[in-house]
Amino acid sequence: MAASREKFSSQVSPDLLAAMREVARNEGRHFQAVLEDAMREYLDNKARQKVRPEVMAHFHAGLERNRRLYELLAQ
């Protein structure tokens, strides 16, 4: 059974569109498959980049607290 698809319309720079079409042509794939892969990878990357603010606050506090140690280790 084929996955359902939904048509949509958008706009993109001509250079980017040409590059995506070139990738599809070079790989012998349909443009929509390449676009779908690109969208999926973008969303996966976004999901991996999410760091809770409190985690980053602890990270930065640790950097400040141990700054001198890190400077000595770097020498």
C-alpha atoms as a PDB file:
ATOM      1  CA  MET A   1       0.000   0.000   0.000  1.00  0.00           C
ATOM      2  CA  ALA A   2       1.441   3.357  -1.036  1.00  0.00           C
ATOM      3  CA  ALA A   3       1.896   6.114   1.518  1.00  0.00           C
ATOM      4  CA  SER A   4      -0.613   8.915   1.175  1.00  0.00           C
ATOM      5  CA  ARG A   5       0.645  12.169  -0.222  1.00  0.00           C
ATOM      6  CA  GLU A   6      -0.566  15.745   0.087  1.00  0.00           C
ATOM      7  CA  LYS A   7       0.059  18.376  -2.524  1.00  0.00           C
ATOM      8  CA  PHE A   8       1.351  21.753  -1.400  1.00  0.00           C
ATOM      9  CA  SER A   9       2.658  24.858  -3.046  1.00  0.00           C
ATOM     10  CA  SER A  10       5.556  27.004  -1.976  1.00  0.00           C
ATOM     11  CA  GLN A  11       8.262  29.222  -3.356  1.00  0.00           C
ATOM     12  CA  VAL A  12      12.025  28.858  -3.278  1.00  0.00           C
ATOM     13  CA  SER A  13      14.998  30.543  -4.900  1.00  0.00           C
ATOM     14  CA  PRO A  14      15.667  29.360  -8.454  1.00  0.00           C
ATOM     15  CA  ASP A  15      19.231  28.337  -7.554  1.00  0.00           C
ATOM     16  CA  LEU A  16      18.100  26.122  -4.692  1.00  0.00           C
ATOM     17  CA  LEU A  17      15.379  24.541  -6.789  1.00  0.00           C
ATOM     18  CA  ALA A  18      17.827  23.860  -9.606  1.00  0.00           C
ATOM     19  CA  ALA A  19      20.297  22.276  -7.193  1.00  0.00           C
ATOM     20  CA  MET A  20      17.615  19.988  -5.744  1.00  0.00           C
ATOM     21  CA  ARG A  21      16.490  18.971  -9.226  1.00  0.00           C
ATOM     22  CA  GLU A  22      20.103  18.262 -10.144  1.00  0.00           C
ATOM     23  CA  VAL A  23      20.496  15.990  -7.101  1.00  0.00           C
ATOM     24  CA  ALA A  24      17.358  14.107  -8.093  1.00  0.00           C
ATOM     25  CA  ARG A  25      18.542  13.777 -11.689  1.00  0.00           C
ATOM     26  CA  ASN A  26      22.043  12.615 -10.668  1.00  0.00           C
ATOM     27  CA  GLU A  27      20.621  10.024  -8.294  1.00  0.00           C
ATOM     28  CA  GLY A  28      17.955   8.869 -10.760  1.00  0.00           C
ATOM     29  CA  ARG A  29      15.207   9.676  -8.257  1.00  0.00           C
ATOM     30  CA  HIS A  30      11.967  11.595  -8.350  1.00  0.00           C
ATOM     31  CA  PHE A  31      12.230  15.196  -7.208  1.00  0.00           C
ATOM     32  CA  GLN A  32       9.503  14.652  -4.590  1.00  0.00           C
ATOM     33  CA  ALA A  33      11.518  11.808  -3.005  1.00  0.00           C
ATOM     34  CA  VAL A  34      14.613  14.013  -2.708  1.00  0.00           C
ATOM     35  CA  LEU A  35      12.546  16.868  -1.288  1.00  0.00           C
ATOM     36  CA  GLU A  36      10.887  14.545   1.211  1.00  0.00           C
ATOM     37  CA  ASP A  37      14.297  13.224   2.332  1.00  0.00           C
ATOM     38  CA  ALA A  38      15.578  16.784   2.747  1.00  0.00           C
ATOM     39  CA  MET A  39      12.546  17.780   4.811  1.00  0.00           C
ATOM     40  CA  ARG A  40      12.839  14.677   6.988  1.00  0.00           C
ATOM     41  CA  GLU A  41      16.559  15.301   7.604  1.00  0.00           C
ATOM     42  CA  TYR A  42      15.877  18.952   8.470  1.00  0.00           C
ATOM     43  CA  LEU A  43      13.280  17.938  11.050  1.00  0.00           C
ATOM     44  CA  ASP A  44      15.572  15.248  12.499  1.00  0.00           C
ATOM     45  CA  ASN A  45      18.379  17.796  12.870  1.00  0.00           C
ATOM     46  CA  LYS A  46      16.038  20.274  14.543  1.00  0.00           C
ATOM     47  CA  ALA A  47      14.888  17.627  17.004  1.00  0.00           C
ATOM     48  CA  ARG A  48      18.476  16.755  17.941  1.00  0.00           C
ATOM     49  CA  GLN A  49      19.415  20.410  18.514  1.00  0.00           C
ATOM     50  CA  LYS A  50      16.840  21.012  21.205  1.00  0.00           C
ATOM     51  CA  VAL A  51      18.482  21.452  24.581  1.00  0.00           C
ATOM     52  CA  ARG A  52      16.404  22.433  27.557  1.00  0.00           C
ATOM     53  CA  PRO A  53      17.259  25.932  28.830  1.00  0.00           C
ATOM     54  CA  GLU A  54      17.986  24.676  32.354  1.00  0.00           C
ATOM     55  CA  VAL A  55      20.519  22.201  30.956  1.00  0.00           C
ATOM     56  CA  MET A  56      22.302  24.992  29.094  1.00  0.00           C
ATOM     57  CA  ALA A  57      22.266  27.145  32.254  1.00  0.00           C
ATOM     58  CA  HIS A  58      24.007  24.357  34.193  1.00  0.00           C
ATOM     59  CA  PHE A  59      26.485  23.882  31.349  1.00  0.00           C
ATOM     60  CA  HIS A  60      27.401  27.588  31.291  1.00  0.00           C
ATOM     61  CA  ALA A  61      27.646  27.709  35.085  1.00  0.00           C
ATOM     62  CA  GLY A  62      30.051  24.775  34.971  1.00  0.00           C
ATOM     63  CA  LEU A  63      32.163  26.518  32.348  1.00  0.00           C
ATOM     64  CA  GLU A  64      32.399  29.624  34.508  1.00  0.00           C
ATOM     65  CA  ARG A  65      33.087  27.649  37.671  1.00  0.00           C
ATOM     66  CA  ASN A  66      35.906  25.670  36.032  1.00  0.00           C
ATOM     67  CA  ARG A  67      37.257  28.300  33.631  1.00  0.00           C
ATOM     68  CA  ARG A  68      40.683  28.467  35.310  1.00  0.00           C
ATOM     69  CA  LEU A  69      40.996  24.655  35.273  1.00  0.00           C
ATOM     70  CA  TYR A  70      40.157  24.554  31.557  1.00  0.00           C
ATOM     71  CA  GLU A  71      42.737  27.268  30.850  1.00  0.00           C
ATOM     72  CA  LEU A  72      45.413  25.289  32.719  1.00  0.00           C
ATOM     73  CA  LEU A  73      44.491  22.068  30.933  1.00  0.00           C
ATOM     74  CA  ALA A  74      44.711  23.829  27.591  1.00  0.00           C
ATOM     75  CA  GLN A  75      48.345  24.799  28.165  1.00  0.00           C
END
